[in-house]
C-alpha atoms as a PDB file:
ATOM      1  CA  MET A   1      -0.539  -1.914 -26.894  1.00  0.00           C
ATOM      2  CA  GLU A   2       1.258  -0.606 -23.781  1.00  0.00           C
ATOM      3  CA  VAL A   3       2.511   2.343 -25.824  1.00  0.00           C
ATOM      4  CA  ILE A   4      -1.021   3.252 -26.872  1.00  0.00           C
ATOM      5  CA  ILE A   5      -2.338   2.979 -23.318  1.00  0.00           C
ATOM      6  CA  SER A   6       0.573   5.028 -22.015  1.00  0.00           C
ATOM      7  CA  SER A   7      -0.085   7.752 -24.571  1.00  0.00           C
ATOM      8  CA  ILE A   8      -3.761   7.831 -23.558  1.00  0.00           C
ATOM      9  CA  GLU A   9      -2.838   8.124 -19.882  1.00  0.00           C
ATOM     10  CA  ASN A  10      -0.346  10.920 -20.563  1.00  0.00           C
ATOM     11  CA  ASN A  11      -2.392  12.769 -23.193  1.00  0.00           C
ATOM     12  CA  PRO A  12      -2.448  16.483 -22.288  1.00  0.00           C
ATOM     13  CA  ASN A  13      -5.517  17.052 -24.513  1.00  0.00           C
ATOM     14  CA  ILE A  14      -7.695  15.015 -22.141  1.00  0.00           C
ATOM     15  CA  ALA A  15      -8.424  16.966 -18.988  1.00  0.00           C
ATOM     16  CA  GLU A  16      -7.132  15.391 -15.795  1.00  0.00           C
ATOM     17  CA  ASP A  17     -10.590  15.455 -14.279  1.00  0.00           C
ATOM     18  CA  ASP A  18     -11.974  13.515 -17.261  1.00  0.00           C
ATOM     19  CA  GLU A  19     -10.742  10.136 -16.045  1.00  0.00           C
ATOM     20  CA  GLU A  20     -13.857   8.418 -17.354  1.00  0.00           C
ATOM     21  CA  THR A  21     -12.909   9.221 -20.969  1.00  0.00           C
ATOM     22  CA  LYS A  22      -9.407   7.863 -20.417  1.00  0.00           C
ATOM     23  CA  LYS A  23     -10.780   4.659 -18.910  1.00  0.00           C
ATOM     24  CA  GLU A  24     -13.176   4.175 -21.818  1.00  0.00           C
ATOM     25  CA  GLN A  25     -10.388   4.651 -24.360  1.00  0.00           C
ATOM     26  CA  ILE A  26      -8.125   2.215 -22.520  1.00  0.00           C
ATOM     27  CA  VAL A  27     -10.911  -0.400 -22.421  1.00  0.00           C
ATOM     28  CA  GLU A  28     -11.439   0.032 -26.174  1.00  0.00           C
ATOM     29  CA  VAL A  29      -7.725  -0.471 -26.856  1.00  0.00           C
ATOM     30  CA  GLU A  30      -7.651  -3.547 -24.621  1.00  0.00           C
ATOM     31  CA  ARG A  31     -10.647  -5.026 -26.444  1.00  0.00           C
ATOM     32  CA  ALA A  32      -9.072  -4.387 -29.838  1.00  0.00           C
ATOM     33  CA  TYR A  33      -5.583  -5.704 -29.091  1.00  0.00           C
ATOM     34  CA  MET A  34      -5.981  -8.378 -26.418  1.00  0.00           C
ATOM     35  CA  THR A  35      -6.990 -11.981 -26.773  1.00  0.00           C
ATOM     36  CA  SER A  36      -9.454 -13.452 -24.295  1.00  0.00           C
ATOM     37  CA  GLU A  37      -6.602 -15.317 -22.591  1.00  0.00           C
ATOM     38  CA  ASP A  38      -4.654 -12.068 -22.251  1.00  0.00           C
ATOM     39  CA  ARG A  39      -7.720 -10.396 -20.741  1.00  0.00           C
ATOM     40  CA  ARG A  40      -8.087 -13.210 -18.199  1.00  0.00           C
ATOM     41  CA  ASN A  41      -4.418 -12.959 -17.298  1.00  0.00           C
ATOM     42  CA  LEU A  42      -4.659  -9.189 -16.984  1.00  0.00           C
ATOM     43  CA  GLU A  43      -7.706  -9.488 -14.732  1.00  0.00           C
ATOM     44  CA  ARG A  44      -5.911 -12.065 -12.555  1.00  0.00           C
ATOM     45  CA  PHE A  45      -2.928  -9.746 -12.342  1.00  0.00           C
ATOM     46  CA  ARG A  46      -5.110  -6.783 -11.385  1.00  0.00           C
ATOM     47  CA  ARG A  47      -6.892  -8.827  -8.698  1.00  0.00           C
ATOM     48  CA  ALA A  48      -3.564  -9.978  -7.285  1.00  0.00           C
ATOM     49  CA  GLU A  49      -2.278  -6.419  -7.369  1.00  0.00           C
ATOM     50  CA  ARG A  50      -5.331  -5.166  -5.438  1.00  0.00           C
ATOM     51  CA  LYS A  51      -4.901  -7.924  -2.838  1.00  0.00           C
ATOM     52  CA  PHE A  52      -1.225  -7.065  -2.499  1.00  0.00           C
ATOM     53  CA  CYS A  53      -1.988  -3.363  -1.991  1.00  0.00           C
ATOM     54  CA  SER A  54      -4.656  -4.190   0.595  1.00  0.00           C
ATOM     55  CA  ALA A  55      -2.250  -6.449   2.464  1.00  0.00           C
ATOM     56  CA  GLU A  56       0.428  -3.764   2.374  1.00  0.00           C
ATOM     57  CA  ILE A  57      -1.959  -1.189   3.835  1.00  0.00           C
ATOM     58  CA  GLU A  58      -3.029  -3.604   6.572  1.00  0.00           C
ATOM     59  CA  LEU A  59       0.620  -4.314   7.433  1.00  0.00           C
ATOM     60  CA  GLU A  60       1.313  -0.591   7.694  1.00  0.00           C
ATOM     61  CA  ARG A  61      -1.655  -0.196  10.058  1.00  0.00           C
ATOM     62  CA  LEU A  62      -0.469  -3.087  12.232  1.00  0.00           C
ATOM     63  CA  HIS A  63       3.089  -1.744  12.256  1.00  0.00           C
ATOM     64  CA  PHE A  64       1.804   1.665  13.364  1.00  0.00           C
ATOM     65  CA  ALA A  65      -0.246   0.152  16.198  1.00  0.00           C
ATOM     66  CA  LEU A  66       2.570  -2.119  17.372  1.00  0.00           C
ATOM     67  CA  LYS A  67       5.129   0.688  17.296  1.00  0.00           C
ATOM     68  CA  HIS A  68       2.927   2.898  19.451  1.00  0.00           C
ATOM     69  CA  PHE A  69       2.153   0.034  21.813  1.00  0.00           C
ATOM     70  CA  TYR A  70       5.887  -0.507  22.421  1.00  0.00           C
ATOM     71  CA  GLN A  71       6.460   3.224  22.911  1.00  0.00           C
ATOM     72  CA  LEU A  72       3.654   3.356  25.462  1.00  0.00           C
ATOM     73  CA  ARG A  73       5.010   0.287  27.231  1.00  0.00           C
ATOM     74  CA  GLN A  74       8.461   1.890  27.461  1.00  0.00           C
ATOM     75  CA  GLN A  75       6.956   5.073  28.883  1.00  0.00           C
ATOM     76  CA  ILE A  76       5.024   3.105  31.488  1.00  0.00           C
ATOM     77  CA  ASN A  77       8.086   1.068  32.466  1.00  0.00           C
ATOM     78  CA  SER A  78      10.310   4.144  32.762  1.00  0.00           C
ATOM     79  CA  GLU A  79       7.638   5.918  34.822  1.00  0.00           C
ATOM     80  CA  GLN A  80       7.424   2.911  37.150  1.00  0.00           C
ATOM     81  CA  GLN A  81      11.203   2.845  37.553  1.00  0.00           C
ATOM     82  CA  ARG A  82      11.264   6.543  38.413  1.00  0.00           C
ATOM     83  CA  GLN A  83       8.532   6.177  41.024  1.00  0.00           C
ATOM     84  CA  SER A  84       9.731   2.989  42.707  1.00  0.00           C
ATOM     85  CA  PRO A  85      12.148   3.317  45.663  1.00  0.00           C
ATOM     86  CA  GLN A  86      15.568   1.699  45.288  1.00  0.00           C
ATOM     87  CA  GLY A  87      14.956  -1.036  47.862  1.00  0.00           C
ATOM     88  CA  LYS A  88      11.679  -2.302  46.412  1.00  0.00           C
ATOM     89  CA  ARG A  89      11.548  -4.975  43.784  1.00  0.00           C
ATOM     90  CA  LYS A  90      10.519  -3.597  40.402  1.00  0.00           C
ATOM     91  CA  ARG A  91       7.095  -4.699  39.148  1.00  0.00           C
ATOM     92  CA  THR A  92       6.844  -5.900  35.603  1.00  0.00           C
ATOM     93  CA  TYR A  93       4.435  -4.442  33.092  1.00  0.00           C
ATOM     94  CA  GLN A  94       2.234  -7.521  33.400  1.00  0.00           C
ATOM     95  CA  GLN A  95       2.176  -7.341  37.194  1.00  0.00           C
ATOM     96  CA  ALA A  96       1.269  -3.669  37.114  1.00  0.00           C
ATOM     97  CA  HIS A  97      -1.582  -4.016  34.666  1.00  0.00           C
ATOM     98  CA  PHE A  98      -2.920  -7.552  34.943  1.00  0.00           C
ATOM     99  CA  THR A  99      -2.963  -8.312  38.684  1.00  0.00           C
END
């Protein structure tokens, strides 16, 4: 069955913009060759795969935000160090922004 689906997906005779035809053919093959238990398992797998992809995207977004937060914090700290005289006690990031 995977071979048939793969050949449908890679068929050069079906235009790339005609994804609907490919999807219909794949659904027909799945109906013909899969048992109801296999269909349930495939649907569970696809749901889990979608959840995994969503979680991966969310992690990438959080990583991006955290990385830029740390870069900004370093810039602020280095700017404070440059501006503070040698004799004064250095203020922390929290003291500078939350007091």
